[in-house]
Protein backbone atom coordinates (compact mmCIF):
# COMPACT_ATOMS: atom_id res chain seq x y z
CA UNK A 1 155.24 153.95 147.58
CA UNK A 2 155.84 157.41 146.09
CA UNK A 3 152.10 157.96 145.66
CA UNK A 4 151.38 157.02 149.30
CA UNK A 5 154.06 159.41 150.59
CA UNK A 6 152.73 162.26 148.47
CA UNK A 7 149.17 161.61 149.65
CA UNK A 8 150.21 161.62 153.29
CA UNK A 9 152.04 164.91 152.90
CA UNK A 10 148.73 166.58 152.03
CA UNK A 11 146.97 165.22 155.10
CA UNK A 12 146.66 168.10 157.62
CA UNK A 13 147.40 165.88 160.62
CA UNK A 14 150.80 165.09 159.08
CA UNK A 15 151.83 168.74 158.78
CA UNK A 16 154.76 169.61 161.08
CA UNK A 17 153.98 171.35 164.37
CA UNK A 18 157.54 172.12 165.50
CA UNK A 19 158.86 173.78 162.33
CA UNK A 20 157.57 175.48 159.22
CA UNK A 21 154.53 177.72 158.66
CA UNK A 22 152.12 176.33 161.29
CA UNK A 23 154.09 177.21 164.45
CA UNK A 24 155.12 180.53 162.88
CA UNK A 25 151.51 181.40 162.14
CA UNK A 26 150.48 180.42 165.67
CA UNK A 27 153.28 182.61 167.04
CA UNK A 28 152.14 185.64 165.03
CA UNK A 29 148.49 185.07 165.95
CA UNK A 30 149.37 184.64 169.62
CA UNK A 31 151.44 187.79 169.94
CA UNK A 32 148.81 189.73 167.99
CA UNK A 33 146.11 188.48 170.35
CA UNK A 34 148.17 189.39 173.41
CA UNK A 35 148.73 192.88 172.02
CA UNK A 36 144.99 193.19 171.34
CA UNK A 37 144.11 192.07 174.87
CA UNK A 38 146.53 194.55 176.40
CA UNK A 39 146.02 197.60 174.22
CA UNK A 40 142.58 197.60 172.59
CA UNK A 41 140.48 199.91 174.78
CA UNK A 42 139.19 203.46 174.63
CA UNK A 43 138.34 203.78 178.33
CA UNK A 44 140.58 205.45 180.90
CA UNK A 45 139.58 202.82 183.45
CA UNK A 46 141.33 200.14 181.44
CA UNK A 47 144.61 201.99 181.18
CA UNK A 48 144.59 203.36 184.72
CA UNK A 49 143.28 200.41 186.71
CA UNK A 50 142.52 197.20 184.88
CA UNK A 51 145.63 196.83 182.70
CA UNK A 52 148.04 197.48 185.61
CA UNK A 53 146.00 195.10 187.78
CA UNK A 54 146.17 192.40 185.09
CA UNK A 55 149.93 192.83 184.77
CA UNK A 56 150.45 192.63 188.53
CA UNK A 57 148.17 189.59 188.79
CA UNK A 58 150.02 187.75 186.02
CA UNK A 59 153.39 188.57 187.56
CA UNK A 60 152.23 187.41 191.00
CA UNK A 61 150.80 184.14 189.65
CA UNK A 62 153.97 183.46 187.68
CA UNK A 63 156.14 184.11 190.73
CA UNK A 64 153.89 181.97 192.93
CA UNK A 65 153.98 179.07 190.47
CA UNK A 66 157.74 179.36 190.02
CA UNK A 67 158.27 179.38 193.79
CA UNK A 68 155.94 176.42 194.29
CA UNK A 69 157.74 174.40 191.61
CA UNK A 70 161.18 175.21 192.98
CA UNK A 71 160.40 174.85 196.71
CA UNK A 72 157.97 171.97 197.14
CA UNK A 73 156.36 170.48 194.05
CA UNK A 74 159.44 169.55 191.93
CA UNK A 75 157.60 168.24 188.83
CA UNK A 76 161.00 168.15 187.13
CA UNK A 77 163.87 166.91 189.34
CA UNK A 78 166.31 169.10 187.42
CA UNK A 79 164.14 172.19 187.68
CA UNK A 80 161.68 173.63 185.18
CA UNK A 81 163.34 174.58 181.87
CA UNK A 82 163.58 178.36 181.47
CA UNK A 83 161.67 178.44 178.21
CA UNK A 84 158.80 176.55 179.85
CA UNK A 85 158.70 179.06 182.73
CA UNK A 86 158.67 181.94 180.24
CA UNK A 87 155.80 180.60 178.16
CA UNK A 88 153.76 179.71 181.25
CA UNK A 89 154.14 183.34 182.30
CA UNK A 90 152.96 184.50 178.87
CA UNK A 91 149.94 182.21 179.11
CA UNK A 92 149.10 183.51 182.60
CA UNK A 93 149.34 187.07 181.29
CA UNK A 94 146.85 186.23 178.55
CA UNK A 95 144.44 184.70 181.06
CA UNK A 96 144.75 187.69 183.39
CA UNK A 97 144.01 190.12 180.59
CA UNK A 98 140.94 188.11 179.60
CA UNK A 99 139.70 188.01 183.20
CA UNK A 100 140.00 191.77 183.64
CA UNK A 101 138.13 192.35 180.37
CA UNK A 102 135.05 190.42 181.49
CA UNK A 103 133.57 193.03 183.80
CA UNK A 104 131.33 195.57 182.09
CA UNK A 105 131.87 194.17 178.58
CA UNK A 106 129.23 193.18 176.08
CA UNK A 107 128.79 189.51 175.19
CA UNK A 108 130.48 190.11 171.83
CA UNK A 109 133.55 191.65 173.45
CA UNK A 110 133.73 188.88 176.03
CA UNK A 111 133.69 186.23 173.33
CA UNK A 112 136.33 188.15 171.41
CA UNK A 113 138.53 188.33 174.51
CA UNK A 114 138.10 184.61 175.22
CA UNK A 115 139.04 183.79 171.62
CA UNK A 116 142.15 185.97 171.85
CA UNK A 117 143.09 184.36 175.16
CA UNK A 118 142.75 180.92 173.59
CA UNK A 119 145.19 181.96 170.86
CA UNK A 120 147.68 183.14 173.50
CA UNK A 121 147.46 179.77 175.26
CA UNK A 122 147.82 177.97 171.94
CA UNK A 123 150.95 180.01 171.21
CA UNK A 124 152.46 179.19 174.61
CA UNK A 125 151.71 175.48 174.20
CA UNK A 126 153.11 175.48 170.68
CA UNK A 127 156.37 177.06 171.79
CA UNK A 128 156.81 174.59 174.64
CA UNK A 129 156.20 171.79 172.16
CA UNK A 130 158.79 173.28 169.80
CA UNK A 131 161.33 173.20 172.61
CA UNK A 132 160.55 169.69 173.83
CA UNK A 133 159.53 168.19 170.50
CA UNK A 134 157.05 165.66 171.85
CA UNK A 135 154.45 166.24 169.12
CA UNK A 136 156.16 166.81 165.76
CA UNK A 137 152.85 166.38 163.91
CA UNK A 138 149.16 166.25 164.67
CA UNK A 139 149.20 162.53 163.93
CA UNK A 140 151.69 161.94 166.74
CA UNK A 141 149.64 164.09 169.12
CA UNK A 142 146.48 162.13 168.25
CA UNK A 143 148.22 158.74 168.17
CA UNK A 144 146.74 157.48 171.49
CA UNK A 145 143.29 157.74 169.88
CA UNK A 146 144.22 156.92 166.26
CA UNK A 147 146.55 153.98 166.79
CA UNK A 148 145.41 150.69 168.26
CA UNK A 149 147.65 148.23 170.07
CA UNK A 150 147.27 144.48 169.59
CA UNK A 151 146.55 141.88 172.20
CA UNK A 152 149.77 140.18 173.25
CA UNK A 153 150.06 136.69 171.80
CA UNK A 154 153.09 135.06 173.38
CA UNK A 155 153.14 131.92 171.27
CA UNK A 156 155.58 130.20 173.64
CA UNK A 157 155.11 126.87 171.89
CA UNK A 158 157.07 127.98 168.81
CA UNK A 159 160.39 126.36 167.92
CA UNK A 160 163.41 128.61 168.41
CA UNK A 161 166.74 129.42 166.78
CA UNK A 162 169.59 130.46 169.05
CA UNK A 163 172.91 132.14 168.35
CA UNK A 164 175.75 129.60 168.17
CA UNK A 165 179.18 130.47 169.62
CA UNK A 166 181.30 132.69 167.39
CA UNK A 167 178.37 133.86 165.25
CA UNK A 168 175.81 136.63 165.39
CA UNK A 169 172.12 135.90 165.15
CA UNK A 170 171.76 137.50 161.73
CA UNK A 171 174.21 134.96 160.28
CA UNK A 172 172.08 131.95 161.24
CA UNK A 173 168.59 133.39 160.80
CA UNK A 174 166.68 132.65 157.61
CA UNK A 175 163.39 134.58 157.45
CA UNK A 176 160.37 132.82 155.94
CA UNK A 177 158.88 134.15 152.73
CA UNK A 178 155.69 135.25 154.48
CA UNK A 179 157.40 137.22 157.26
CA UNK A 180 155.34 140.31 158.21
CA UNK A 181 156.83 143.67 157.33
CA UNK A 182 156.05 145.24 160.68
CA UNK A 183 156.22 144.31 164.33
CA UNK A 184 153.40 144.47 166.86
CA UNK A 185 152.83 146.73 169.87
CA UNK A 186 150.78 145.40 172.79
CA UNK A 187 149.66 146.89 176.07
CA UNK A 188 150.68 144.72 179.02
CA UNK A 189 150.43 144.71 182.80
CA UNK A 190 153.66 143.77 184.58
CA UNK A 191 152.97 142.89 188.23
CA UNK A 192 155.33 143.88 191.02
CA UNK A 193 155.29 140.35 192.41
CA UNK A 194 158.44 140.65 194.52
CA UNK A 195 158.83 144.42 194.76
CA UNK A 196 155.22 145.24 195.61
CA UNK A 197 155.46 148.18 193.22
CA UNK A 198 152.18 149.13 191.54
CA UNK A 199 153.12 150.18 188.03
CA UNK A 200 150.86 151.44 185.30
CA UNK A 201 150.41 149.31 182.19
CA UNK A 202 153.38 149.16 179.86
CA UNK A 203 153.93 148.17 176.23
CA UNK A 204 155.82 145.46 174.41
CA UNK A 205 157.16 145.66 170.87
CA UNK A 206 157.65 142.28 169.16
CA UNK A 207 159.57 142.50 165.86
CA UNK A 208 158.55 140.72 162.65
CA UNK A 209 160.98 137.86 163.29
CA UNK A 210 159.23 137.04 166.57
CA UNK A 211 156.10 136.20 164.60
CA UNK A 212 157.87 133.41 162.67
CA UNK A 213 157.99 129.71 163.53
CA UNK A 214 160.71 128.83 164.25
CA UNK A 215 161.55 132.20 165.75
CA UNK A 216 164.97 133.55 166.69
CA UNK A 217 165.81 134.06 170.34
CA UNK A 218 166.04 137.84 170.43
CA UNK A 219 167.62 140.19 172.96
CA UNK A 220 165.50 142.37 175.24
CA UNK A 221 165.64 146.14 175.75
CA UNK A 222 163.84 147.48 178.81
CA UNK A 223 163.01 151.08 177.89
CA UNK A 224 162.06 153.82 180.35
CA UNK A 225 160.48 157.22 179.77
CA UNK A 226 161.29 160.39 181.70
CA UNK A 227 159.50 162.06 184.59
CA UNK A 228 156.81 163.28 184.25
CA UNK A 229 155.84 160.65 181.72
CA UNK A 230 154.30 157.29 180.86
CA UNK A 231 155.46 154.16 179.00
CA UNK A 232 153.15 155.25 176.20
CA UNK A 233 155.38 158.27 175.56
CA UNK A 234 157.76 155.95 173.71
CA UNK A 235 154.96 154.35 171.71
CA UNK A 236 153.22 157.55 170.64
CA UNK A 237 155.50 160.59 170.99
CA UNK A 238 158.66 158.53 170.56
CA UNK A 239 157.33 156.56 167.57
CA UNK A 240 159.52 153.68 168.69
CA UNK A 241 157.75 151.09 166.53
CA UNK A 242 158.63 153.04 163.36
CA UNK A 243 162.31 153.08 164.32
CA UNK A 244 162.32 149.37 165.17
CA UNK A 245 160.42 148.41 162.03
CA UNK A 246 162.92 150.37 159.93
CA UNK A 247 165.79 148.55 161.63
CA UNK A 248 164.06 145.19 161.14
CA UNK A 249 163.55 145.94 157.42
CA UNK A 250 167.34 146.19 157.04
CA UNK A 251 168.06 143.01 159.02
CA UNK A 252 165.67 140.34 157.73
CA UNK A 253 162.98 141.08 160.31
CA UNK A 254 165.37 141.07 163.27
CA UNK A 255 165.13 143.72 165.97
CA UNK A 256 165.24 143.58 169.75
CA UNK A 257 162.15 142.90 171.82
CA UNK A 258 161.44 146.21 173.57
CA UNK A 259 159.60 146.22 176.88
CA UNK A 260 158.44 149.71 177.91
CA UNK A 261 157.56 149.65 181.60
CA UNK A 262 156.53 152.19 184.20
CA UNK A 263 159.08 153.10 186.87
CA UNK A 264 157.01 155.98 188.28
CA UNK A 265 153.60 154.68 189.35
CA UNK A 266 151.97 157.96 188.32
CA UNK A 267 152.80 160.74 185.89
CA UNK A 268 154.32 163.22 188.35
CA UNK A 269 155.77 160.76 190.86
CA UNK A 270 159.53 160.33 191.18
CA UNK A 271 160.53 156.97 192.64
CA UNK A 272 164.26 157.56 192.02
CA UNK A 273 164.45 153.99 190.59
CA UNK A 274 165.79 152.87 193.96
CA UNK A 275 164.72 150.41 196.63
CA UNK A 276 163.83 152.88 199.36
CA UNK A 277 160.98 154.03 201.59
CA UNK A 278 159.44 155.60 198.45
CA UNK A 279 159.13 152.35 196.48
CA UNK A 280 161.10 149.21 195.58
CA UNK A 281 161.64 150.11 191.95
CA UNK A 282 165.13 148.64 191.58
CA UNK A 283 163.69 145.24 192.51
CA UNK A 284 160.81 145.81 190.09
CA UNK A 285 163.19 146.52 187.18
CA UNK A 286 165.85 143.95 188.10
CA UNK A 287 163.59 141.04 189.12
CA UNK A 288 159.88 141.52 188.43
CA UNK A 289 160.25 142.73 184.84
CA UNK A 290 162.71 139.98 183.77
CA UNK A 291 160.54 137.37 185.51
CA UNK A 292 157.47 138.56 183.58
CA UNK A 293 159.39 138.51 180.28
CA UNK A 294 160.71 134.99 180.89
CA UNK A 295 157.23 133.77 181.82
CA UNK A 296 155.50 135.26 178.79
CA UNK A 297 158.00 135.51 175.93
CA UNK A 298 160.69 133.44 174.27
CA UNK A 299 163.90 135.46 174.41
CA UNK A 300 167.65 135.06 174.50
CA UNK A 301 169.03 134.29 177.96
CA UNK A 302 171.87 135.87 179.90
CA UNK A 303 172.95 139.41 180.81
CA UNK A 304 174.65 139.97 177.46
CA UNK A 305 171.22 139.84 175.83
CA UNK A 306 169.58 142.33 178.21
CA UNK A 307 169.77 146.11 177.84
CA UNK A 308 168.37 148.80 180.12
CA UNK A 309 167.71 152.11 178.36
CA UNK A 310 165.94 155.38 178.99
CA UNK A 311 165.73 159.13 178.48
CA UNK A 312 166.03 161.97 180.99
CA UNK A 313 165.07 160.52 184.40
CA UNK A 314 164.73 157.17 182.57
CA UNK A 315 168.34 157.54 181.41
CA UNK A 316 169.46 158.08 185.00
CA UNK A 317 167.55 154.90 185.89
CA UNK A 318 169.34 152.99 183.14
CA UNK A 319 172.72 153.99 184.53
CA UNK A 320 171.61 153.03 188.05
CA UNK A 321 170.41 149.57 187.01
CA UNK A 322 173.56 148.95 184.97
CA UNK A 323 175.77 149.36 188.05
CA UNK A 324 173.38 148.10 190.74
CA UNK A 325 172.07 145.06 188.83
CA UNK A 326 174.94 144.16 186.46
CA UNK A 327 174.04 140.49 186.75
CA UNK A 328 170.81 141.30 184.85
CA UNK A 329 171.79 144.02 182.37
CA UNK A 330 174.96 143.76 180.32
CA UNK A 331 174.48 147.03 178.41
CA UNK A 332 172.78 150.35 178.98
CA UNK A 333 171.74 153.43 177.02
CA UNK A 334 171.56 156.69 178.96
CA UNK A 335 170.02 159.56 176.96
CA UNK A 336 170.13 162.98 178.62
CA UNK A 337 170.22 161.54 182.12
CA UNK A 338 171.62 163.01 185.33
CA UNK A 339 174.72 162.15 187.30
CA UNK A 340 172.67 160.87 190.25
CA UNK A 341 169.03 160.20 191.18
CA UNK A 342 167.54 163.33 192.68
CA UNK A 343 164.42 164.99 194.02
CA UNK A 344 166.02 168.43 193.71
CA UNK A 345 168.99 168.37 196.10
CA UNK A 346 170.97 165.49 197.53
CA UNK A 347 169.82 166.39 201.04
CA UNK A 348 166.15 166.26 200.02
CA UNK A 349 166.72 163.01 198.16
CA UNK A 350 168.53 161.24 201.01
CA UNK A 351 165.94 162.39 203.52
CA UNK A 352 162.96 161.28 201.42
CA UNK A 353 164.46 157.95 200.39
CA UNK A 354 166.50 156.88 203.42
CA UNK A 355 165.48 159.13 206.33
CA UNK A 356 168.74 161.03 205.96
CA UNK A 357 171.05 157.98 205.94
CA UNK A 358 173.76 159.11 203.49
CA UNK A 359 175.51 155.72 203.63
CA UNK A 360 172.47 153.98 202.15
CA UNK A 361 172.39 156.48 199.29
CA UNK A 362 176.14 156.10 198.69
CA UNK A 363 175.64 152.34 198.38
CA UNK A 364 173.47 152.79 195.28
CA UNK A 365 174.44 156.20 193.84
CA UNK A 366 175.91 155.22 190.44
CA UNK A 367 178.98 157.48 190.46
CA UNK A 368 179.89 156.41 193.98
CA UNK A 369 179.37 152.75 193.06
CA UNK A 370 181.65 153.12 190.02
CA UNK A 371 184.32 154.80 192.16
CA UNK A 372 184.48 151.60 194.25
CA UNK A 373 183.90 148.92 191.62
CA UNK A 374 184.95 148.10 188.04
CA UNK A 375 182.60 146.89 185.31
CA UNK A 376 184.77 145.49 182.49
CA UNK A 377 181.94 143.33 181.12
CA UNK A 378 179.40 146.15 180.81
CA UNK A 379 178.87 148.37 177.74
CA UNK A 380 177.29 151.79 177.89
CA UNK A 381 176.21 154.50 175.45
CA UNK A 382 175.78 158.11 176.62
CA UNK A 383 173.74 160.44 174.39
CA UNK A 384 172.95 164.11 175.04
CA UNK A 385 172.00 167.27 173.17
CA UNK A 386 174.81 169.62 172.18
CA UNK A 387 172.78 172.60 173.46
CA UNK A 388 171.55 170.94 176.65
CA UNK A 389 173.19 173.23 179.22
CA UNK A 390 171.59 171.39 182.15
CA UNK A 391 172.31 167.77 181.24
CA UNK A 392 175.36 167.87 178.98
CA UNK A 393 177.84 168.64 181.81
CA UNK A 394 176.31 165.85 183.88
CA UNK A 395 176.50 163.39 181.00
CA UNK A 396 180.13 164.29 180.41
CA UNK A 397 180.79 163.58 184.09
CA UNK A 398 178.97 160.25 183.81
CA UNK A 399 180.97 159.29 180.72
CA UNK A 400 184.27 159.94 182.51
CA UNK A 401 183.12 157.81 185.45
CA UNK A 402 181.97 155.01 183.14
CA UNK A 403 185.32 154.92 181.36
CA UNK A 404 187.24 154.94 184.64
CA UNK A 405 185.07 152.03 185.81
CA UNK A 406 186.38 149.96 182.90
CA UNK A 407 183.23 149.86 180.80
CA UNK A 408 183.17 149.71 177.02
CA UNK A 409 181.66 153.14 176.49
CA UNK A 410 180.70 155.64 173.81
CA UNK A 411 179.62 159.29 174.03
CA UNK A 412 177.47 160.89 171.32
CA UNK A 413 176.42 164.51 171.00
CA UNK A 414 173.30 165.32 169.00
CA UNK A 415 172.09 168.67 167.69
CA UNK A 416 169.48 170.23 169.96
CA UNK A 417 168.63 170.61 173.61
CA UNK A 418 166.57 168.40 175.91
CA UNK A 419 163.46 166.51 174.90
CA UNK A 420 162.03 164.31 172.19
CA UNK A 421 164.04 166.22 169.61
CA UNK A 422 166.91 164.16 171.09
CA UNK A 423 165.16 161.04 172.41
CA UNK A 424 163.26 160.14 169.24
CA UNK A 425 166.21 160.14 166.81
CA UNK A 426 168.59 159.10 169.59
CA UNK A 427 167.06 155.67 170.13
CA UNK A 428 166.96 155.08 166.36
CA UNK A 429 170.62 156.03 165.98
CA UNK A 430 171.67 153.70 168.80
CA UNK A 431 169.81 150.59 167.62
CA UNK A 432 172.74 149.26 165.55
CA UNK A 433 175.07 149.65 168.54
CA UNK A 434 172.60 147.90 170.84
CA UNK A 435 172.21 145.08 168.33
CA UNK A 436 175.97 144.65 168.17
CA UNK A 437 176.34 144.51 171.95
CA UNK A 438 173.72 141.79 172.16
CA UNK A 439 175.15 139.66 169.35
CA UNK A 440 172.31 140.26 166.91
CA UNK A 441 174.43 141.77 164.13
CA UNK A 442 178.12 142.33 163.40
């Protein structure tokens, strides 16, 4: 094992991209290239006309993009993070400088300018990745092409072992000697049979114990990514299988079945996870997904064995489903979510979802639901980054509402801001708690 670890550390695609020498070198090269693009010229025309024009063009494009994002596009319901806006502006400046260097230049100088511009864009992308943490290594970034999922084999004919009253599943489960060391990840299509919602393909993680015969009846975690995003974000950027395999290795092959489904329909779409004129996503998550799981997999039954979890917009969805479909989900995990579903403002949200009918929104808005109703049989975990100035105050508000609603709740702060630097370790840290809530371990 030591030899394998040492060999991997020398593989370039395993070198870290969010810390250490690589992002620092990219930063130095990027700023050097930007300085070269702006300052390297011996002609008066560059200093008097072209450089000022490039600066004005970059500023105008940055302002136009920022206005478009804030006023009508809304790719992020909470607004674009400031560091993302800054690095987009730097990238646009690099492109503007390259464009204004094209006219009247030799082929060699044009190629040199294009190369410098590419380094500026690489720097901007690297810094956004450092902030969000989606690609900690090249291997993670290339995972959709390097890693292969397996065809789902349900094996519903296997004998099963349930959890008797007064015991946890780990106490009655005896793994066979030939139990696999790792679980499987499969791409699956979950139809919106009742909801009519057209989701993209999702993924299912089946732990080692599921591959045994007899197999234990395991709990189910329905896991949602943020917006923009895809279910594959958890598989590749989130490295969820590694976290679940590590948990299973400590618990005789036991881990929850994790179903990663699409609540968006497309990368940039925001369905609000509601049943509204936008889409019937609450019905999809509360009825279609459980129906598909029951039809294709052998799992533990009952709300105590079902968890809804997610990050960012997916965390907001988890909270919503926990209070709007408590008969389905007995526990939830909300990582860096918001205090209500939103398209930017409440007015915009209510208009888009319910044609301005505030009463319909109040009927499903989680904080308003919890103000009217208690949930003593629901457990919830709230996780947020210590430096997340946008989401931490909202998560603190959610936690207070959850406690006042009578839930069994916990609130965990993690070092960092908003992104996979929180989501990736966050789900791993919460697995023991989830397993306890579902009766898998003590």
